[in-house]
C-alpha atoms as a PDB file:
ATOM      1  CA  GLY A   1     119.808  98.885 119.106  1.00  0.00           C
ATOM      2  CA  TYR A   2     118.849 102.381 118.097  1.00  0.00           C
ATOM      3  CA  ASP A   3     115.623 103.602 118.404  1.00  0.00           C
ATOM      4  CA  ARG A   4     113.752 103.684 115.268  1.00  0.00           C
ATOM      5  CA  THR A   5     112.222 107.134 115.214  1.00  0.00           C
ATOM      6  CA  ALA A   6     115.760 108.640 115.986  1.00  0.00           C
ATOM      7  CA  ILE A   7     116.931 106.920 112.595  1.00  0.00           C
ATOM      8  CA  PHE A   8     113.139 108.156 110.384  1.00  0.00           C
ATOM      9  CA  GLY A   9     114.122 111.047 111.856  1.00  0.00           C
ATOM     10  CA  VAL A  10     118.043 112.059 110.900  1.00  0.00           C
ATOM     11  CA  MET A  11     116.289 110.055 107.126  1.00  0.00           C
ATOM     12  CA  THR A  12     113.439 112.422 106.977  1.00  0.00           C
ATOM     13  CA  ALA A  13     115.717 115.455 107.927  1.00  0.00           C
ATOM     14  CA  LEU A  14     118.810 114.194 105.480  1.00  0.00           C
ATOM     15  CA  SER A  15     116.445 113.797 102.643  1.00  0.00           C
ATOM     16  CA  VAL A  16     114.500 117.225 102.989  1.00  0.00           C
ATOM     17  CA  GLY A  17     117.773 119.019 103.432  1.00  0.00           C
ATOM     18  CA  GLY A  18     119.057 117.273 100.439  1.00  0.00           C
ATOM     19  CA  TYR A  19     115.918 118.393  98.115  1.00  0.00           C
ATOM     20  CA  ILE A  20     116.492 121.856  99.597  1.00  0.00           C
ATOM     21  CA  LYS A  21     119.863 121.690  98.411  1.00  0.00           C
ATOM     22  CA  PHE A  22     119.721 120.469  95.209  1.00  0.00           C
ATOM     23  CA  ASP A  23     116.521 120.914  93.988  1.00  0.00           C
ATOM     24  CA  SER A  24     113.411 122.921  95.591  1.00  0.00           C
ATOM     25  CA  THR A  25     111.116 123.129  92.439  1.00  0.00           C
ATOM     26  CA  LYS A  26     107.380 122.178  92.613  1.00  0.00           C
ATOM     27  CA  ALA A  27     107.708 119.277  90.200  1.00  0.00           C
ATOM     28  CA  GLY A  28     110.753 117.857  91.937  1.00  0.00           C
ATOM     29  CA  LEU A  29     109.036 117.565  95.015  1.00  0.00           C
ATOM     30  CA  ILE A  30     105.891 115.624  93.438  1.00  0.00           C
ATOM     31  CA  THR A  31     108.731 113.389  91.831  1.00  0.00           C
ATOM     32  CA  SER A  32     110.013 113.081  94.999  1.00  0.00           C
ATOM     33  CA  LEU A  33     107.006 112.435  96.305  1.00  0.00           C
ATOM     34  CA  ALA A  34     105.519 109.971  94.405  1.00  0.00           C
ATOM     35  CA  THR A  35     108.881 107.922  94.846  1.00  0.00           C
ATOM     36  CA  ALA A  36     108.371 107.671  98.029  1.00  0.00           C
ATOM     37  CA  VAL A  37     105.139 106.130  97.979  1.00  0.00           C
ATOM     38  CA  GLY A  38     105.459 104.486  95.411  1.00  0.00           C
ATOM     39  CA  GLY A  39     109.106 102.754  96.476  1.00  0.00           C
ATOM     40  CA  PRO A  40     107.931 100.897  98.688  1.00  0.00           C
ATOM     41  CA  LEU A  41     104.750 100.212  97.762  1.00  0.00           C
ATOM     42  CA  ILE A  42     106.871  98.647  94.849  1.00  0.00           C
ATOM     43  CA  GLU A  43     108.644  96.691  97.504  1.00  0.00           C
ATOM     44  CA  ALA A  44     105.713  95.196  98.988  1.00  0.00           C
ATOM     45  CA  GLY A  45     104.899  93.810  96.060  1.00  0.00           C
ATOM     46  CA  LEU A  46     107.885  92.041  94.801  1.00  0.00           C
ATOM     47  CA  ILE A  47     108.222  91.261  98.471  1.00  0.00           C
ATOM     48  CA  THR A  48     104.488  89.581  98.711  1.00  0.00           C
ATOM     49  CA  PHE A  49     104.489  87.969  95.322  1.00  0.00           C
ATOM     50  CA  LEU A  50     107.942  86.546  95.075  1.00  0.00           C
ATOM     51  CA  ALA A  51     108.244  85.143  98.347  1.00  0.00           C
ATOM     52  CA  GLY A  52     109.657  81.874  98.448  1.00  0.00           C
ATOM     53  CA  SER A  53     110.558  81.979  94.931  1.00  0.00           C
ATOM     54  CA  GLY A  54     113.746  83.810  94.912  1.00  0.00           C
ATOM     55  CA  GLY A  55     112.952  86.815  95.564  1.00  0.00           C
ATOM     56  CA  TYR A  56     114.547  89.544  97.748  1.00  0.00           C
ATOM     57  CA  HIS A  57     113.676  90.349 101.502  1.00  0.00           C
ATOM     58  CA  TYR A  58     114.520  92.674 104.116  1.00  0.00           C
ATOM     59  CA  THR A  59     116.384  91.064 106.992  1.00  0.00           C
ATOM     60  CA  ASP A  60     114.842  93.759 108.946  1.00  0.00           C
ATOM     61  CA  LEU A  61     111.427  93.963 108.860  1.00  0.00           C
ATOM     62  CA  GLY A  62     111.116  96.837 110.498  1.00  0.00           C
ATOM     63  CA  GLU A  63     107.334  98.664 111.150  1.00  0.00           C
ATOM     64  CA  THR A  64     105.293  97.874 107.973  1.00  0.00           C
ATOM     65  CA  GLY A  65     106.371  94.278 107.855  1.00  0.00           C
ATOM     66  CA  TYR A  66     108.200  94.344 104.293  1.00  0.00           C
ATOM     67  CA  PHE A  67     110.613  96.623 105.381  1.00  0.00           C
ATOM     68  CA  PRO A  68     111.965  99.714 107.600  1.00  0.00           C
ATOM     69  CA  LEU A  69     110.451 102.832 107.267  1.00  0.00           C
ATOM     70  CA  TRP A  70     113.468 104.543 107.302  1.00  0.00           C
ATOM     71  CA  ILE A  71     113.282 103.216 103.643  1.00  0.00           C
ATOM     72  CA  THR A  72     110.633 105.735 102.718  1.00  0.00           C
ATOM     73  CA  PRO A  73     112.985 108.975 103.331  1.00  0.00           C
ATOM     74  CA  VAL A  74     115.810 106.598 101.121  1.00  0.00           C
ATOM     75  CA  TYR A  75     112.950 107.206  98.275  1.00  0.00           C
ATOM     76  CA  PHE A  76     112.235 110.372  98.745  1.00  0.00           C
ATOM     77  CA  LEU A  77     115.652 111.901  98.271  1.00  0.00           C
ATOM     78  CA  GLY A  78     116.635 109.365  95.570  1.00  0.00           C
ATOM     79  CA  GLY A  79     113.234 111.161  93.244  1.00  0.00           C
ATOM     80  CA  ARG A  80     114.777 113.755  91.640  1.00  0.00           C
ATOM     81  CA  ALA A  81     117.475 111.160  90.959  1.00  0.00           C
END
């Protein structure tokens, strides 16, 4: 498979580049950081509390046991949406 560190690095660079290109405001940074932290925490909660009852899960549990870490920069860039 692919090196997870490389995937995380590429995704982080793309999300930071997207933030710089499309926003670059303090409010946007705060929103993106909150989304990057809150999104994965909510997902971990949903995965935990809905386990066995038809909830969703990742087929690759990644480094966290819930999801791969590359989801964090995806949330970061999505924060400005």
